C-alpha atoms as a PDB file:
ATOM      1  CA  MET A   1     114.106 165.856 112.960  1.00  0.00           C
ATOM      2  CA  VAL A   2     113.389 164.429 116.321  1.00  0.00           C
ATOM      3  CA  SER A   3     110.130 163.122 117.075  1.00  0.00           C
ATOM      4  CA  SER A   4     107.643 163.810 119.953  1.00  0.00           C
ATOM      5  CA  LYS A   5     109.113 160.358 120.996  1.00  0.00           C
ATOM      6  CA  GLY A   6     112.613 161.399 121.402  1.00  0.00           C
ATOM      7  CA  LYS A   7     115.722 160.959 119.512  1.00  0.00           C
ATOM      8  CA  GLU A   8     116.240 157.933 117.560  1.00  0.00           C
ATOM      9  CA  THR A   9     118.669 155.313 118.819  1.00  0.00           C
ATOM     10  CA  ASP A  10     119.387 153.918 115.569  1.00  0.00           C
ATOM     11  CA  PRO A  11     119.534 156.844 112.877  1.00  0.00           C
ATOM     12  CA  GLU A  12     121.205 154.969 110.126  1.00  0.00           C
ATOM     13  CA  LEU A  13     117.834 152.469 110.403  1.00  0.00           C
ATOM     14  CA  LYS A  14     115.539 155.287 110.632  1.00  0.00           C
ATOM     15  CA  LYS A  15     117.114 156.904 107.531  1.00  0.00           C
ATOM     16  CA  GLU A  16     116.817 153.470 105.424  1.00  0.00           C
ATOM     17  CA  VAL A  17     113.397 152.979 106.479  1.00  0.00           C
ATOM     18  CA  THR A  18     112.303 156.697 105.605  1.00  0.00           C
ATOM     19  CA  GLU A  19     113.827 156.281 102.104  1.00  0.00           C
ATOM     20  CA  GLU A  20     112.421 153.251 101.447  1.00  0.00           C
ATOM     21  CA  ILE A  21     108.947 154.327 102.573  1.00  0.00           C
ATOM     22  CA  LYS A  22     109.059 157.753 100.504  1.00  0.00           C
ATOM     23  CA  GLN A  23     109.512 155.374  97.532  1.00  0.00           C
ATOM     24  CA  GLN A  24     105.994 154.281  98.059  1.00  0.00           C
ATOM     25  CA  THR A  25     103.300 156.174  95.792  1.00  0.00           C
ATOM     26  CA  ASN A  26     100.283 157.808  96.925  1.00  0.00           C
ATOM     27  CA  LYS A  27      96.927 156.171  95.965  1.00  0.00           C
ATOM     28  CA  ASP A  28      96.821 158.291  92.594  1.00  0.00           C
ATOM     29  CA  GLY A  29     100.217 157.126  91.741  1.00  0.00           C
ATOM     30  CA  SER A  30     101.979 160.437  92.253  1.00  0.00           C
ATOM     31  CA  GLY A  31     104.414 161.394  95.342  1.00  0.00           C
ATOM     32  CA  LYS A  32     106.886 158.991  94.535  1.00  0.00           C
ATOM     33  CA  GLY A  33     110.115 160.043  96.427  1.00  0.00           C
ATOM     34  CA  GLN A  34     108.371 162.279  98.321  1.00  0.00           C
ATOM     35  CA  MET A  35     107.007 162.729 101.968  1.00  0.00           C
ATOM     36  CA  ALA A  36     103.130 162.839 102.391  1.00  0.00           C
ATOM     37  CA  ALA A  37     101.459 163.086 105.998  1.00  0.00           C
ATOM     38  CA  TRP A  38     100.468 159.229 105.717  1.00  0.00           C
ATOM     39  CA  LYS A  39     104.091 158.166 105.461  1.00  0.00           C
ATOM     40  CA  ALA A  40     105.212 159.694 108.652  1.00  0.00           C
ATOM     41  CA  PRO A  41     103.468 157.052 110.970  1.00  0.00           C
ATOM     42  CA  LYS A  42     104.265 154.350 108.450  1.00  0.00           C
ATOM     43  CA  ILE A  43     107.982 155.447 108.759  1.00  0.00           C
ATOM     44  CA  ALA A  44     107.905 155.258 112.795  1.00  0.00           C
ATOM     45  CA  LYS A  45     106.070 151.898 112.876  1.00  0.00           C
ATOM     46  CA  GLU A  46     108.487 150.284 110.510  1.00  0.00           C
ATOM     47  CA  TYR A  47     111.276 151.540 112.336  1.00  0.00           C
ATOM     48  CA  GLU A  48     110.326 150.064 115.860  1.00  0.00           C
ATOM     49  CA  ALA A  49     109.265 146.485 113.973  1.00  0.00           C
ATOM     50  CA  ARG A  50     112.826 146.580 112.698  1.00  0.00           C
ATOM     51  CA  GLY A  51     114.047 146.990 116.347  1.00  0.00           C
ATOM     52  CA  GLY A  52     114.538 150.986 116.175  1.00  0.00           C
ATOM     53  CA  ASP A  53     113.856 152.798 119.509  1.00  0.00           C
ATOM     54  CA  TYR A  54     113.945 156.403 120.930  1.00  0.00           C
ATOM     55  CA  GLU A  55     115.388 157.620 123.938  1.00  0.00           C
ATOM     56  CA  ASN A  56     113.295 160.257 125.832  1.00  0.00           C
ATOM     57  CA  GLU A  57     114.921 163.595 125.989  1.00  0.00           C
ATOM     58  CA  LYS A  58     114.243 166.165 128.797  1.00  0.00           C
ATOM     59  CA  GLY A  59     111.123 167.838 128.002  1.00  0.00           C
ATOM     60  CA  SER A  60     109.675 165.228 125.819  1.00  0.00           C
ATOM     61  CA  LYS A  61     105.903 165.401 125.158  1.00  0.00           C
ATOM     62  CA  ASN A  62     105.540 161.679 125.948  1.00  0.00           C
ATOM     63  CA  MET A  63     107.924 161.767 129.124  1.00  0.00           C
ATOM     64  CA  PRO A  64     105.415 160.159 131.919  1.00  0.00           C
ATOM     65  CA  LYS A  65     104.986 162.467 135.047  1.00  0.00           C
ATOM     66  CA  LYS A  66     104.019 161.306 138.408  1.00  0.00           C
ATOM     67  CA  GLY A  67     101.647 163.203 141.015  1.00  0.00           C
ATOM     68  CA  GLU A  68      98.645 165.067 141.098  1.00  0.00           C
ATOM     69  CA  PRO A  69      97.380 166.252 137.686  1.00  0.00           C
ATOM     70  CA  GLU A  70      97.929 169.871 137.088  1.00  0.00           C
ATOM     71  CA  ALA A  71      95.070 172.165 136.844  1.00  0.00           C
ATOM     72  CA  LYS A  72      94.330 174.074 133.640  1.00  0.00           C
END
C-alpha cells in the first residue's frame, strides 16, 4: 500500500522493516505478527532511519504547492 508520503524507493527494505515491526507485541502481550495502529508510524520511522525514502507521485497529499492559499 502506498503511503501519503508517496511510493517507497526501496520496497524490499520496507517489507523487511514491516515484518520486523509486526513481530512486536502489544503492551498486553497480544498482537504478535499482526498490524496495529501504533505500528504504522513506527514502520515509517524505521524505514527512513535505515535509508529508505519516498517518491512523490502526482496528487500526493504532501506535495508542496506554491502561490496564494486557496479559499475554502
